[in-house]
Amino acid sequence: MQIIRYIILIALTSITNAVAQLLLKYGMNKIVPNSSLTSTIIFILKNRYIWMGLIMYGISFVIYLCILAKLEVSLSYPIIMGVTFTLLSIFSSILINELLSVNKIIGSLLILIGIIVISL
C-alpha cells in the first residue's frame, strides 16, 4: 500500500513540475525581444502565467519534500526528473507545438529504462 502512495506522490510532483515549466515558457513567450533588464523584470512581475508557474513549482516542491521524508534522495530524485522530462516532452509537443523528435522519444525510453533499473 505504501508503494502506491509513493507512486502517486511522484506522479503529482512530476506533473506539477512539468506544468510549471510549461506555464513559465508560455509566459516568457510573450516577452518583447531585446527588452531592457528593467522592462523584463516588470514584465515578469506582471505576468500571470509566470506567477502560476511559480505557484505550481511551490506545490511540486512541497510534494517533493513529502517524498524526501520517506524515500532515499538517490532513488527519488532520478525517478522524478526522468518522469518529469518525459511528461514535459509529451506535454510541450501537444500544448505548445514543440517538436517531439525521434531522438527525444528514444532518450525518454532510455531514461525510463534507467529508472526501472535504479528502482530494482
Protein backbone atom coordinates (compact mmCIF):
# COMPACT_ATOMS: atom_id res chain seq x y z
CA MET A 1 0.00 0.00 0.00
CA GLN A 2 2.89 2.39 0.76
CA ILE A 3 4.34 1.90 -2.71
CA ILE A 4 1.10 3.15 -4.29
CA ARG A 5 1.27 6.27 -2.12
CA TYR A 6 4.85 6.96 -3.28
CA ILE A 7 3.92 6.39 -6.92
CA ILE A 8 1.05 8.87 -6.57
CA LEU A 9 3.30 11.45 -4.89
CA ILE A 10 6.00 11.02 -7.54
CA ALA A 11 3.40 11.37 -10.29
CA LEU A 12 1.95 14.50 -8.66
CA THR A 13 5.33 16.19 -8.21
CA SER A 14 6.32 15.32 -11.78
CA ILE A 15 3.05 16.60 -13.24
CA THR A 16 3.10 19.84 -11.24
CA ASN A 17 6.75 20.40 -12.17
CA ALA A 18 6.05 19.84 -15.89
CA VAL A 19 3.01 22.14 -15.77
CA ALA A 20 5.13 24.78 -14.03
CA GLN A 21 7.70 24.58 -16.83
CA LEU A 22 5.02 24.96 -19.48
CA LEU A 23 3.43 27.95 -17.73
CA LEU A 24 6.81 29.66 -17.41
CA LYS A 25 7.58 29.00 -21.08
CA TYR A 26 4.17 30.28 -22.16
CA GLY A 27 4.59 33.40 -20.06
CA MET A 28 8.08 34.11 -21.38
CA ASN A 29 6.94 33.61 -24.99
CA LYS A 30 5.00 36.85 -24.57
CA ILE A 31 8.09 38.95 -23.79
CA VAL A 32 9.23 41.57 -26.27
CA PRO A 33 12.60 40.60 -27.80
CA ASN A 34 15.60 42.78 -26.88
CA SER A 35 13.82 44.29 -23.87
CA SER A 36 15.85 46.10 -21.24
CA LEU A 37 16.51 44.39 -17.92
CA THR A 38 14.11 46.73 -16.14
CA SER A 39 11.25 46.14 -18.58
CA THR A 40 11.91 42.38 -18.47
CA ILE A 41 11.68 42.35 -14.67
CA ILE A 42 8.48 44.41 -14.76
CA PHE A 43 7.05 42.08 -17.41
CA ILE A 44 7.88 39.04 -15.26
CA LEU A 45 6.32 40.57 -12.15
CA LYS A 46 3.09 41.38 -14.03
CA ASN A 47 2.77 38.11 -15.96
CA ARG A 48 0.10 35.81 -14.54
CA TYR A 49 1.45 32.73 -16.33
CA ILE A 50 4.81 33.16 -14.67
CA TRP A 51 3.12 33.56 -11.28
CA MET A 52 1.02 30.44 -11.91
CA GLY A 53 4.20 28.59 -12.90
CA LEU A 54 5.90 29.67 -9.67
CA ILE A 55 2.88 28.52 -7.65
CA MET A 56 3.00 25.15 -9.41
CA TYR A 57 6.71 24.92 -8.60
CA GLY A 58 5.85 25.62 -4.98
CA ILE A 59 3.27 22.84 -4.95
CA SER A 60 5.75 20.48 -6.62
CA PHE A 61 8.38 21.41 -4.04
CA VAL A 62 6.08 20.69 -1.09
CA ILE A 63 5.13 17.30 -2.54
CA TYR A 64 8.83 16.57 -3.17
CA LEU A 65 9.61 17.34 0.49
CA CYS A 66 6.98 14.76 1.50
CA ILE A 67 8.72 12.24 -0.77
CA LEU A 68 12.16 13.07 0.68
CA ALA A 69 10.83 12.42 4.17
CA LYS A 70 10.20 8.78 3.24
CA LEU A 71 12.46 7.79 0.31
CA GLU A 72 16.17 8.00 -0.40
CA VAL A 73 17.11 11.04 -2.47
CA SER A 74 19.36 8.88 -4.67
CA LEU A 75 16.27 6.89 -5.63
CA SER A 76 13.52 9.51 -5.68
CA TYR A 77 15.28 12.36 -7.50
CA PRO A 78 16.29 10.43 -10.65
CA ILE A 79 12.83 8.93 -10.89
CA ILE A 80 11.11 12.31 -10.54
CA MET A 81 13.42 14.03 -13.02
CA GLY A 82 13.09 11.22 -15.57
CA VAL A 83 9.32 11.15 -15.34
CA THR A 84 9.17 14.96 -15.44
CA PHE A 85 11.38 15.09 -18.55
CA THR A 86 9.23 12.51 -20.30
CA LEU A 87 5.97 14.26 -19.36
CA LEU A 88 7.39 17.64 -20.37
CA SER A 89 8.39 16.31 -23.78
CA ILE A 90 4.88 14.95 -24.35
CA PHE A 91 3.01 17.96 -22.92
CA SER A 92 5.14 20.51 -24.79
CA SER A 93 4.56 18.77 -28.10
CA ILE A 94 0.79 18.71 -27.52
CA LEU A 95 0.25 22.08 -25.85
CA ILE A 96 2.87 24.42 -27.33
CA ASN A 97 3.69 22.60 -30.55
CA GLU A 98 7.32 21.80 -29.76
CA LEU A 99 8.88 19.09 -31.87
CA LEU A 100 8.79 15.58 -30.40
CA SER A 101 11.70 14.17 -32.35
CA VAL A 102 12.77 10.55 -32.64
CA ASN A 103 15.81 11.43 -30.50
CA LYS A 104 13.56 12.74 -27.70
CA ILE A 105 11.42 9.61 -27.86
CA ILE A 106 14.46 7.31 -27.77
CA GLY A 107 16.03 9.39 -24.99
CA SER A 108 12.83 9.26 -22.95
CA LEU A 109 12.64 5.49 -23.36
CA LEU A 110 16.26 5.16 -22.23
CA ILE A 111 15.56 7.36 -19.22
CA LEU A 112 12.53 5.24 -18.31
CA ILE A 113 14.61 2.06 -18.65
CA GLY A 114 17.21 3.63 -16.40
CA ILE A 115 14.51 4.46 -13.85
CA ILE A 116 13.40 0.84 -13.83
CA VAL A 117 17.00 -0.32 -13.29
CA ILE A 118 17.52 2.19 -10.45
CA SER A 119 14.25 1.15 -8.82
CA LEU A 120 15.12 -2.54 -8.61
